[in-house]
Every structure is written in structure tokens, then in C-alpha cells.
Amino acid sequence: MASDCDDGVFCNGVEVCGAMGCEAGEPPCTGGTCVEASGICQSTCVDADFDGHRDVACGGDDCDDADPNRFPSNVEVCDVANHDEDCDPRTFGFRDQDMDNYPDVACCNGDVCGTDCNDLNPSVHPDEAESCDGRDNDCDELIDEEVLRTFYPDLDHDLAGDMNATPI
């Protein structure tokens, strides 16, 4: 009978009878501590930052177990420090002070950032048409690139610019 070989000790697993007698069982606790008195396995990993999530190295989902403000399902915050509050590098906090539906470029999370280069002006964002106003309206780091006009001084006062003069 298989139970004849079992020594009843939880932490060393259930022994079974084999052709040569009793064979050792498989210990139930791997990577943890076996508590014989209660018949349970306890993890040696703890939640170091007490945010309710254990480190990924211990089978948990906390991307930074030294920081209580970083764990999955946490609210992502717009910050210049590229702090990933929700452990998801694809998300970043959404701050849109000018209410144009484009997040501030200061909102970053790793390699992903917002796209509004001037979040205090609703007429400046990536889909805005460039206008001749001395600003980068479309956030492409170029100023008035599509609307520049060259003016030449009217040196002979005939109401037409002199093409041989230096442009102004």
C-alpha cells in the first residue's frame, strides 16, 4: 500500500512505495520556507515597500519594490523625472493645461512622452497649422517654416521691392 511508506512529514513530501521499497517524495515548498506545524509553505519574499505588491523577482508584479509609489494599477502621474508609477512603460500621466487634448511634453514615462510643446497655449500642438507668428505652432521644433515670406526694401520708391537689395 502506498501510504505504508509515507512518514507523515509534510515538508519532505509524500513518500511512495517503489520496487526497491520507499521512495522519497517531492518537497511541496520550492523557493519558500516549509512550516511543518501548520503544513504550509511560506514565501521568503516580502513586500519591501508595503504597497501590497511583491517584487517581480519573487513572482510578484511590483516593478520597484523599494518605492511604495510604483506598482501596477497605480495612477500614472505627469512628471519630468520619467517616474513610472504604474509599472507600464507605455503609459504616462496626462496633463493638458491648455485643454487642447494634447498632453504636455513634460509628461514622460521612460521613452514615451506627451506631444504638446507649449501646454499653456491651445493654438500650439502637433496638429496645428504653422502661422507666421514667430512660434513653433506645430511642435516640430521649426518656427514659421511653411509661411516665411521674403521682403525686399523698396530702394527706388516705386512701390516694388528691389530684388538686388538685401532681404529684410
Foldseek 3Di string as FASTA:
>chain_A
DQQVQAPLFQQFAGWGQDPVGIDTHHGPEDQFDADRVVSDTHHPWDQQQPLPWTDVVSVTQFPDSPDSQADAPHAAAFAQVLDHRRSDQVDWHADQQQPLPWGDQSTHHVPDGTFFPDSVDNQAGQPHDADQDQDNRNRPPDHSPPPDDWAADPPVPPPHHDPVGDTD
